[in-house]
Each structure stands twice: as C-alpha cells, then as structure tokens.
Amino acid sequence: MGPAMPMGLLASLLSRVSGYQVVDHTGLTGSYDVNLRFRPEGTEGSTADLLTAIQEQLGLKLEPGKGAVETIVVDRAERTPVE
C-alpha cells in the first residue's frame, strides 16, 4: 500500500520486489494511491502472482525490454597493510 505515490517510486519498489530493473515508461504524472495484493514467488495461496496482480489491480503491464543501465566497474583494489 502506498498513498500519493508517483509512478517512478512505484517502479523502484517493483524493482526491489521482482528482482528485475523496472523503469517507468507510463508517461503518467502526479501521485496515485496504490493498493497491491500479490502472492510472493514460490508460495501458494489465493492471491495473484506479482505480474498478474499488477495488471489486474493497477491496470499496468510490465514488458521486458533492453536499455542502458548505469554500472560501476572496479578495475583494481589494493589492501592497505594493517599492523
């Protein structure tokens, strides 16, 4: 549940829950009250899985795609000796 939630924040939260990078391409501005009930992956129950819940309860659809992602690459690391 989230009152007055912008779509960018919802995408960020869905990234954490789904384990995938979710990017907001809805074009929706403003804030929305979100109430999403879903069954966590690997469990059984009467509630819908995450993707189905997003589509049925919020009217949104997650679509796979490719895009640029910021990445930090560490070329080298050195350990400072400790006495």
PDB file of N, CA and C in Angstrom:
ATOM      1  N   MET A   1       0.842  -1.183   0.000  1.00  0.00           N
ATOM      2  CA  MET A   1       0.000   0.000   0.000  1.00  0.00           C
ATOM      3  C   MET A   1       0.883   1.241   0.000  1.00  0.00           C
ATOM      4  N   GLY A   2       0.456   2.205  -0.741  1.00  0.00           N
ATOM      5  CA  GLY A   2       1.199   3.448  -0.781  1.00  0.00           C
ATOM      6  C   GLY A   2       0.309   4.595  -1.200  1.00  0.00           C
ATOM      7  N   PRO A   3       0.078   5.538  -0.302  1.00  0.00           N
ATOM      8  CA  PRO A   3      -0.718   6.710  -0.674  1.00  0.00           C
ATOM      9  C   PRO A   3       0.140   7.748  -1.404  1.00  0.00           C
ATOM     10  N   ALA A   4      -0.460   8.435  -2.345  1.00  0.00           N
ATOM     11  CA  ALA A   4       0.189   9.534  -3.070  1.00  0.00           C
ATOM     12  C   ALA A   4       1.561   9.127  -3.605  1.00  0.00           C
ATOM     13  N   MET A   5       1.605   8.047  -4.395  1.00  0.00           N
ATOM     14  CA  MET A   5       2.861   7.512  -4.905  1.00  0.00           C
ATOM     15  C   MET A   5       3.038   7.880  -6.380  1.00  0.00           C
ATOM     16  N   PRO A   6       4.153   8.539  -6.725  1.00  0.00           N
ATOM     17  CA  PRO A   6       4.436   8.789  -8.140  1.00  0.00           C
ATOM     18  C   PRO A   6       4.853   7.485  -8.829  1.00  0.00           C
ATOM     19  N   MET A   7       4.658   7.394 -10.128  1.00  0.00           N
ATOM     20  CA  MET A   7       4.955   6.168 -10.872  1.00  0.00           C
ATOM     21  C   MET A   7       6.432   5.778 -10.790  1.00  0.00           C
ATOM     22  N   GLY A   8       7.311   6.750 -10.725  1.00  0.00           N
ATOM     23  CA  GLY A   8       8.746   6.447 -10.605  1.00  0.00           C
ATOM     24  C   GLY A   8       9.059   5.696  -9.322  1.00  0.00           C
ATOM     25  N   LEU A   9       8.405   6.078  -8.234  1.00  0.00           N
ATOM     26  CA  LEU A   9       8.600   5.388  -6.963  1.00  0.00           C
ATOM     27  C   LEU A   9       8.021   3.986  -7.018  1.00  0.00           C
ATOM     28  N   LEU A  10       6.859   3.833  -7.640  1.00  0.00           N
ATOM     29  CA  LEU A  10       6.270   2.509  -7.794  1.00  0.00           C
ATOM     30  C   LEU A  10       7.207   1.600  -8.588  1.00  0.00           C
ATOM     31  N   ALA A  11       7.788   2.108  -9.672  1.00  0.00           N
ATOM     32  CA  ALA A  11       8.727   1.322 -10.472  1.00  0.00           C
ATOM     33  C   ALA A  11       9.927   0.891  -9.635  1.00  0.00           C
ATOM     34  N   SER A  12      10.424   1.791  -8.810  1.00  0.00           N
ATOM     35  CA  SER A  12      11.560   1.476  -7.938  1.00  0.00           C
ATOM     36  C   SER A  12      11.207   0.375  -6.940  1.00  0.00           C
ATOM     37  N   LEU A  13      10.040   0.465  -6.344  1.00  0.00           N
ATOM     38  CA  LEU A  13       9.598  -0.555  -5.395  1.00  0.00           C
ATOM     39  C   LEU A  13       9.379  -1.895  -6.089  1.00  0.00           C
ATOM     40  N   LEU A  14       8.819  -1.873  -7.288  1.00  0.00           N
ATOM     41  CA  LEU A  14       8.622  -3.113  -8.042  1.00  0.00           C
ATOM     42  C   LEU A  14       9.957  -3.749  -8.424  1.00  0.00           C
ATOM     43  N   SER A  15      10.979  -2.935  -8.636  1.00  0.00           N
ATOM     44  CA  SER A  15      12.317  -3.462  -8.913  1.00  0.00           C
ATOM     45  C   SER A  15      12.815  -4.286  -7.740  1.00  0.00           C
ATOM     46  N   ARG A  16      12.629  -3.771  -6.546  1.00  0.00           N
ATOM     47  CA  ARG A  16      13.081  -4.486  -5.347  1.00  0.00           C
ATOM     48  C   ARG A  16      12.331  -5.801  -5.161  1.00  0.00           C
ATOM     49  N   VAL A  17      11.029  -5.771  -5.372  1.00  0.00           N
ATOM     50  CA  VAL A  17      10.194  -6.952  -5.149  1.00  0.00           C
ATOM     51  C   VAL A  17      10.416  -8.006  -6.231  1.00  0.00           C
ATOM     52  N   SER A  18      10.549  -7.572  -7.486  1.00  0.00           N
ATOM     53  CA  SER A  18      10.616  -8.518  -8.597  1.00  0.00           C
ATOM     54  C   SER A  18      12.028  -9.051  -8.853  1.00  0.00           C
ATOM     55  N   GLY A  19      13.031  -8.282  -8.440  1.00  0.00           N
ATOM     56  CA  GLY A  19      14.403  -8.686  -8.730  1.00  0.00           C
ATOM     57  C   GLY A  19      14.867  -8.263 -10.115  1.00  0.00           C
ATOM     58  N   TYR A  20      14.051  -7.527 -10.842  1.00  0.00           N
ATOM     59  CA  TYR A  20      14.379  -7.018 -12.168  1.00  0.00           C
ATOM     60  C   TYR A  20      14.376  -5.499 -12.140  1.00  0.00           C
ATOM     61  N   GLN A  21      15.111  -4.886 -13.056  1.00  0.00           N
ATOM     62  CA  GLN A  21      15.088  -3.429 -13.176  1.00  0.00           C
ATOM     63  C   GLN A  21      13.763  -3.024 -13.812  1.00  0.00           C
ATOM     64  N   VAL A  22      12.970  -2.229 -13.110  1.00  0.00           N
ATOM     65  CA  VAL A  22      11.689  -1.751 -13.629  1.00  0.00           C
ATOM     66  C   VAL A  22      11.814  -0.252 -13.883  1.00  0.00           C
ATOM     67  N   VAL A  23      11.496   0.177 -15.094  1.00  0.00           N
ATOM     68  CA  VAL A  23      11.609   1.580 -15.494  1.00  0.00           C
ATOM     69  C   VAL A  23      10.215   2.086 -15.848  1.00  0.00           C
ATOM     70  N   ASP A  24       9.894   3.282 -15.366  1.00  0.00           N
ATOM     71  CA  ASP A  24       8.579   3.885 -15.636  1.00  0.00           C
ATOM     72  C   ASP A  24       8.554   4.490 -17.037  1.00  0.00           C
ATOM     73  N   HIS A  25       7.758   3.902 -17.908  1.00  0.00           N
ATOM     74  CA  HIS A  25       7.536   4.450 -19.249  1.00  0.00           C
ATOM     75  C   HIS A  25       6.050   4.760 -19.455  1.00  0.00           C
ATOM     76  N   THR A  26       5.325   4.964 -18.344  1.00  0.00           N
ATOM     77  CA  THR A  26       3.886   5.187 -18.451  1.00  0.00           C
ATOM     78  C   THR A  26       3.565   6.575 -18.976  1.00  0.00           C
ATOM     79  N   GLY A  27       4.409   7.542 -18.666  1.00  0.00           N
ATOM     80  CA  GLY A  27       4.106   8.919 -19.035  1.00  0.00           C
ATOM     81  C   GLY A  27       3.100   9.557 -18.080  1.00  0.00           C
ATOM     82  N   LEU A  28       2.698   8.814 -17.049  1.00  0.00           N
ATOM     83  CA  LEU A  28       1.734   9.343 -16.070  1.00  0.00           C
ATOM     84  C   LEU A  28       2.441  10.262 -15.091  1.00  0.00           C
ATOM     85  N   THR A  29       1.843  11.421 -14.865  1.00  0.00           N
ATOM     86  CA  THR A  29       2.389  12.356 -13.885  1.00  0.00           C
ATOM     87  C   THR A  29       1.440  12.397 -12.702  1.00  0.00           C
ATOM     88  N   GLY A  30       1.873  12.979 -11.641  1.00  0.00           N
ATOM     89  CA  GLY A  30       1.031  13.057 -10.458  1.00  0.00           C
ATOM     90  C   GLY A  30       1.276  11.877  -9.536  1.00  0.00           C
ATOM     91  N   SER A  31       0.479  11.812  -8.493  1.00  0.00           N
ATOM     92  CA  SER A  31       0.616  10.763  -7.487  1.00  0.00           C
ATOM     93  C   SER A  31      -0.652   9.934  -7.434  1.00  0.00           C
ATOM     94  N   TYR A  32      -0.484   8.657  -7.118  1.00  0.00           N
ATOM     95  CA  TYR A  32      -1.603   7.723  -7.110  1.00  0.00           C
ATOM     96  C   TYR A  32      -1.583   6.907  -5.822  1.00  0.00           C
ATOM     97  N   ASP A  33      -2.767   6.584  -5.319  1.00  0.00           N
ATOM     98  CA  ASP A  33      -2.879   5.687  -4.179  1.00  0.00           C
ATOM     99  C   ASP A  33      -2.791   4.266  -4.706  1.00  0.00           C
ATOM    100  N   VAL A  34      -1.836   3.500  -4.200  1.00  0.00           N
ATOM    101  CA  VAL A  34      -1.593   2.142  -4.687  1.00  0.00           C
ATOM    102  C   VAL A  34      -1.913   1.143  -3.589  1.00  0.00           C
ATOM    103  N   ASN A  35      -2.727   0.146  -3.918  1.00  0.00           N
ATOM    104  CA  ASN A  35      -3.027  -0.953  -3.005  1.00  0.00           C
ATOM    105  C   ASN A  35      -2.892  -2.231  -3.818  1.00  0.00           C
ATOM    106  N   LEU A  36      -1.770  -2.905  -3.671  1.00  0.00           N
ATOM    107  CA  LEU A  36      -1.451  -4.080  -4.482  1.00  0.00           C
ATOM    108  C   LEU A  36      -1.305  -5.298  -3.577  1.00  0.00           C
ATOM    109  N   ARG A  37      -2.099  -6.310  -3.841  1.00  0.00           N
ATOM    110  CA  ARG A  37      -2.018  -7.566  -3.085  1.00  0.00           C
ATOM    111  C   ARG A  37      -1.579  -8.665  -4.044  1.00  0.00           C
ATOM    112  N   PHE A  38      -0.477  -9.350  -3.663  1.00  0.00           N
ATOM    113  CA  PHE A  38       0.050 -10.403  -4.525  1.00  0.00           C
ATOM    114  C   PHE A  38       0.676 -11.514  -3.684  1.00  0.00           C
ATOM    115  N   ARG A  39       0.859 -12.643  -4.327  1.00  0.00           N
ATOM    116  CA  ARG A  39       1.464 -13.808  -3.698  1.00  0.00           C
ATOM    117  C   ARG A  39       2.958 -13.794  -4.017  1.00  0.00           C
ATOM    118  N   PRO A  40       3.813 -13.816  -2.989  1.00  0.00           N
ATOM    119  CA  PRO A  40       5.261 -13.864  -3.248  1.00  0.00           C
ATOM    120  C   PRO A  40       5.637 -15.110  -4.047  1.00  0.00           C
ATOM    121  N   GLU A  41       6.651 -14.988  -4.880  1.00  0.00           N
ATOM    122  CA  GLU A  41       7.092 -16.097  -5.724  1.00  0.00           C
ATOM    123  C   GLU A  41       7.469 -17.307  -4.878  1.00  0.00           C
ATOM    124  N   GLY A  42       7.051 -18.465  -5.312  1.00  0.00           N
ATOM    125  CA  GLY A  42       7.387 -19.697  -4.613  1.00  0.00           C
ATOM    126  C   GLY A  42       6.424 -20.076  -3.501  1.00  0.00           C
ATOM    127  N   THR A  43       5.350 -19.312  -3.339  1.00  0.00           N
ATOM    128  CA  THR A  43       4.356 -19.632  -2.313  1.00  0.00           C
ATOM    129  C   THR A  43       3.016 -19.913  -2.978  1.00  0.00           C
ATOM    130  N   GLU A  44       2.170 -20.613  -2.254  1.00  0.00           N
ATOM    131  CA  GLU A  44       0.836 -20.904  -2.761  1.00  0.00           C
ATOM    132  C   GLU A  44      -0.184 -20.104  -1.977  1.00  0.00           C
ATOM    133  N   GLY A  45      -1.283 -19.784  -2.608  1.00  0.00           N
ATOM    134  CA  GLY A  45      -2.333 -19.045  -1.924  1.00  0.00           C
ATOM    135  C   GLY A  45      -3.397 -18.607  -2.896  1.00  0.00           C
ATOM    136  N   SER A  46      -4.348 -17.864  -2.360  1.00  0.00           N
ATOM    137  CA  SER A  46      -5.478 -17.449  -3.190  1.00  0.00           C
ATOM    138  C   SER A  46      -5.241 -16.121  -3.898  1.00  0.00           C
ATOM    139  N   THR A  47      -4.167 -15.412  -3.557  1.00  0.00           N
ATOM    140  CA  THR A  47      -3.897 -14.136  -4.221  1.00  0.00           C
ATOM    141  C   THR A  47      -3.085 -14.369  -5.490  1.00  0.00           C
ATOM    142  N   ALA A  48      -3.074 -13.383  -6.384  1.00  0.00           N
ATOM    143  CA  ALA A  48      -2.404 -13.490  -7.681  1.00  0.00           C
ATOM    144  C   ALA A  48      -0.892 -13.328  -7.535  1.00  0.00           C
ATOM    145  N   ASP A  49      -0.160 -13.859  -8.531  1.00  0.00           N
ATOM    146  CA  ASP A  49       1.279 -13.617  -8.568  1.00  0.00           C
ATOM    147  C   ASP A  49       1.506 -12.142  -8.912  1.00  0.00           C
ATOM    148  N   LEU A  50       2.724 -11.676  -8.756  1.00  0.00           N
ATOM    149  CA  LEU A  50       3.031 -10.244  -8.904  1.00  0.00           C
ATOM    150  C   LEU A  50       2.632  -9.684 -10.265  1.00  0.00           C
ATOM    151  N   LEU A  51       3.023 -10.328 -11.356  1.00  0.00           N
ATOM    152  CA  LEU A  51       2.718  -9.789 -12.687  1.00  0.00           C
ATOM    153  C   LEU A  51       1.224  -9.721 -12.953  1.00  0.00           C
ATOM    154  N   THR A  52       0.502 -10.761 -12.544  1.00  0.00           N
ATOM    155  CA  THR A  52      -0.953 -10.771 -12.725  1.00  0.00           C
ATOM    156  C   THR A  52      -1.598  -9.695 -11.863  1.00  0.00           C
ATOM    157  N   ALA A  53      -1.146  -9.554 -10.617  1.00  0.00           N
ATOM    158  CA  ALA A  53      -1.704  -8.553  -9.704  1.00  0.00           C
ATOM    159  C   ALA A  53      -1.503  -7.143 -10.242  1.00  0.00           C
ATOM    160  N   ILE A  54      -0.329  -6.862 -10.788  1.00  0.00           N
ATOM    161  CA  ILE A  54      -0.052  -5.527 -11.339  1.00  0.00           C
ATOM    162  C   ILE A  54      -1.026  -5.218 -12.470  1.00  0.00           C
ATOM    163  N   GLN A  55      -1.237  -6.193 -13.339  1.00  0.00           N
ATOM    164  CA  GLN A  55      -2.121  -5.964 -14.482  1.00  0.00           C
ATOM    165  C   GLN A  55      -3.586  -5.870 -14.055  1.00  0.00           C
ATOM    166  N   GLU A  56      -4.036  -6.786 -13.223  1.00  0.00           N
ATOM    167  CA  GLU A  56      -5.453  -6.812 -12.846  1.00  0.00           C
ATOM    168  C   GLU A  56      -5.836  -5.710 -11.862  1.00  0.00           C
ATOM    169  N   GLN A  57      -4.978  -5.425 -10.906  1.00  0.00           N
ATOM    170  CA  GLN A  57      -5.329  -4.473  -9.854  1.00  0.00           C
ATOM    171  C   GLN A  57      -4.948  -3.033 -10.172  1.00  0.00           C
ATOM    172  N   LEU A  58      -3.861  -2.843 -10.923  1.00  0.00           N
ATOM    173  CA  LEU A  58      -3.406  -1.485 -11.222  1.00  0.00           C
ATOM    174  C   LEU A  58      -3.629  -1.089 -12.675  1.00  0.00           C
ATOM    175  N   GLY A  59      -3.935  -2.060 -13.524  1.00  0.00           N
ATOM    176  CA  GLY A  59      -4.118  -1.756 -14.939  1.00  0.00           C
ATOM    177  C   GLY A  59      -2.814  -1.451 -15.647  1.00  0.00           C
ATOM    178  N   LEU A  60      -1.702  -1.906 -15.080  1.00  0.00           N
ATOM    179  CA  LEU A  60      -0.383  -1.689 -15.664  1.00  0.00           C
ATOM    180  C   LEU A  60       0.177  -3.022 -16.129  1.00  0.00           C
ATOM    181  N   LYS A  61       1.137  -2.975 -17.044  1.00  0.00           N
ATOM    182  CA  LYS A  61       1.736  -4.207 -17.542  1.00  0.00           C
ATOM    183  C   LYS A  61       3.249  -4.034 -17.598  1.00  0.00           C
ATOM    184  N   LEU A  62       3.958  -5.005 -17.039  1.00  0.00           N
ATOM    185  CA  LEU A  62       5.410  -4.994 -17.137  1.00  0.00           C
ATOM    186  C   LEU A  62       5.793  -5.715 -18.421  1.00  0.00           C
ATOM    187  N   GLU A  63       6.607  -5.054 -19.236  1.00  0.00           N
ATOM    188  CA  GLU A  63       7.045  -5.628 -20.500  1.00  0.00           C
ATOM    189  C   GLU A  63       8.564  -5.716 -20.503  1.00  0.00           C
ATOM    190  N   PRO A  64       9.098  -6.855 -20.943  1.00  0.00           N
ATOM    191  CA  PRO A  64      10.562  -6.977 -20.999  1.00  0.00           C
ATOM    192  C   PRO A  64      11.123  -6.077 -22.094  1.00  0.00           C
ATOM    193  N   GLY A  65      12.316  -5.581 -21.867  1.00  0.00           N
ATOM    194  CA  GLY A  65      12.959  -4.732 -22.861  1.00  0.00           C
ATOM    195  C   GLY A  65      14.426  -4.577 -22.541  1.00  0.00           C
ATOM    196  N   LYS A  66      15.114  -3.876 -23.391  1.00  0.00           N
ATOM    197  CA  LYS A  66      16.534  -3.615 -23.202  1.00  0.00           C
ATOM    198  C   LYS A  66      16.742  -2.112 -23.143  1.00  0.00           C
ATOM    199  N   GLY A  67      17.708  -1.710 -22.334  1.00  0.00           N
ATOM    200  CA  GLY A  67      18.010  -0.297 -22.228  1.00  0.00           C
ATOM    201  C   GLY A  67      19.347  -0.100 -21.549  1.00  0.00           C
ATOM    202  N   ALA A  68      19.814   1.115 -21.557  1.00  0.00           N
ATOM    203  CA  ALA A  68      21.079   1.444 -20.912  1.00  0.00           C
ATOM    204  C   ALA A  68      20.915   1.410 -19.397  1.00  0.00           C
ATOM    205  N   VAL A  69      21.903   0.856 -18.723  1.00  0.00           N
ATOM    206  CA  VAL A  69      21.894   0.776 -17.263  1.00  0.00           C
ATOM    207  C   VAL A  69      23.234   1.287 -16.752  1.00  0.00           C
ATOM    208  N   GLU A  70      23.196   2.168 -15.766  1.00  0.00           N
ATOM    209  CA  GLU A  70      24.438   2.657 -15.178  1.00  0.00           C
ATOM    210  C   GLU A  70      25.118   1.530 -14.428  1.00  0.00           C
ATOM    211  N   THR A  71      26.431   1.398 -14.632  1.00  0.00           N
ATOM    212  CA  THR A  71      27.198   0.338 -13.994  1.00  0.00           C
ATOM    213  C   THR A  71      28.493   0.916 -13.460  1.00  0.00           C
ATOM    214  N   ILE A  72      28.879   0.464 -12.286  1.00  0.00           N
ATOM    215  CA  ILE A  72      30.165   0.853 -11.720  1.00  0.00           C
ATOM    216  C   ILE A  72      31.097  -0.346 -11.856  1.00  0.00           C
ATOM    217  N   VAL A  73      32.260  -0.120 -12.459  1.00  0.00           N
ATOM    218  CA  VAL A  73      33.242  -1.185 -12.645  1.00  0.00           C
ATOM    219  C   VAL A  73      34.477  -0.835 -11.833  1.00  0.00           C
ATOM    220  N   VAL A  74      34.913  -1.778 -11.007  1.00  0.00           N
ATOM    221  CA  VAL A  74      36.133  -1.593 -10.227  1.00  0.00           C
ATOM    222  C   VAL A  74      37.245  -2.318 -10.963  1.00  0.00           C
ATOM    223  N   ASP A  75      38.217  -1.555 -11.462  1.00  0.00           N
ATOM    224  CA  ASP A  75      39.324  -2.143 -12.217  1.00  0.00           C
ATOM    225  C   ASP A  75      40.368  -2.761 -11.293  1.00  0.00           C
ATOM    226  N   ARG A  76      40.538  -2.160 -10.135  1.00  0.00           N
ATOM    227  CA  ARG A  76      41.610  -2.609  -9.265  1.00  0.00           C
ATOM    228  C   ARG A  76      41.322  -2.181  -7.844  1.00  0.00           C
ATOM    229  N   ALA A  77      41.728  -2.997  -6.891  1.00  0.00           N
ATOM    230  CA  ALA A  77      41.606  -2.654  -5.478  1.00  0.00           C
ATOM    231  C   ALA A  77      42.859  -3.103  -4.763  1.00  0.00           C
ATOM    232  N   GLU A  78      43.323  -2.300  -3.825  1.00  0.00           N
ATOM    233  CA  GLU A  78      44.522  -2.631  -3.055  1.00  0.00           C
ATOM    234  C   GLU A  78      44.176  -2.618  -1.570  1.00  0.00           C
ATOM    235  N   ARG A  79      44.788  -3.526  -0.876  1.00  0.00           N
ATOM    236  CA  ARG A  79      44.590  -3.586   0.563  1.00  0.00           C
ATOM    237  C   ARG A  79      45.758  -2.873   1.230  1.00  0.00           C
ATOM    238  N   THR A  80      45.437  -1.982   2.155  1.00  0.00           N
ATOM    239  CA  THR A  80      46.463  -1.285   2.915  1.00  0.00           C
ATOM    240  C   THR A  80      46.846  -2.176   4.099  1.00  0.00           C
ATOM    241  N   PRO A  81      48.151  -2.451   4.279  1.00  0.00           N
ATOM    242  CA  PRO A  81      48.562  -3.311   5.404  1.00  0.00           C
ATOM    243  C   PRO A  81      48.168  -2.697   6.752  1.00  0.00           C
ATOM    244  N   VAL A  82      47.711  -3.550   7.645  1.00  0.00           N
ATOM    245  CA  VAL A  82      47.348  -3.116   8.996  1.00  0.00           C
ATOM    246  C   VAL A  82      48.306  -3.781   9.966  1.00  0.00           C
ATOM    247  N   GLU A  83      48.884  -2.979  10.876  1.00  0.00           N
ATOM    248  CA  GLU A  83      49.849  -3.545  11.841  1.00  0.00           C
ATOM    249  C   GLU A  83      49.159  -4.328  12.909  1.00  0.00           C
TER     250      GLU A  83
END
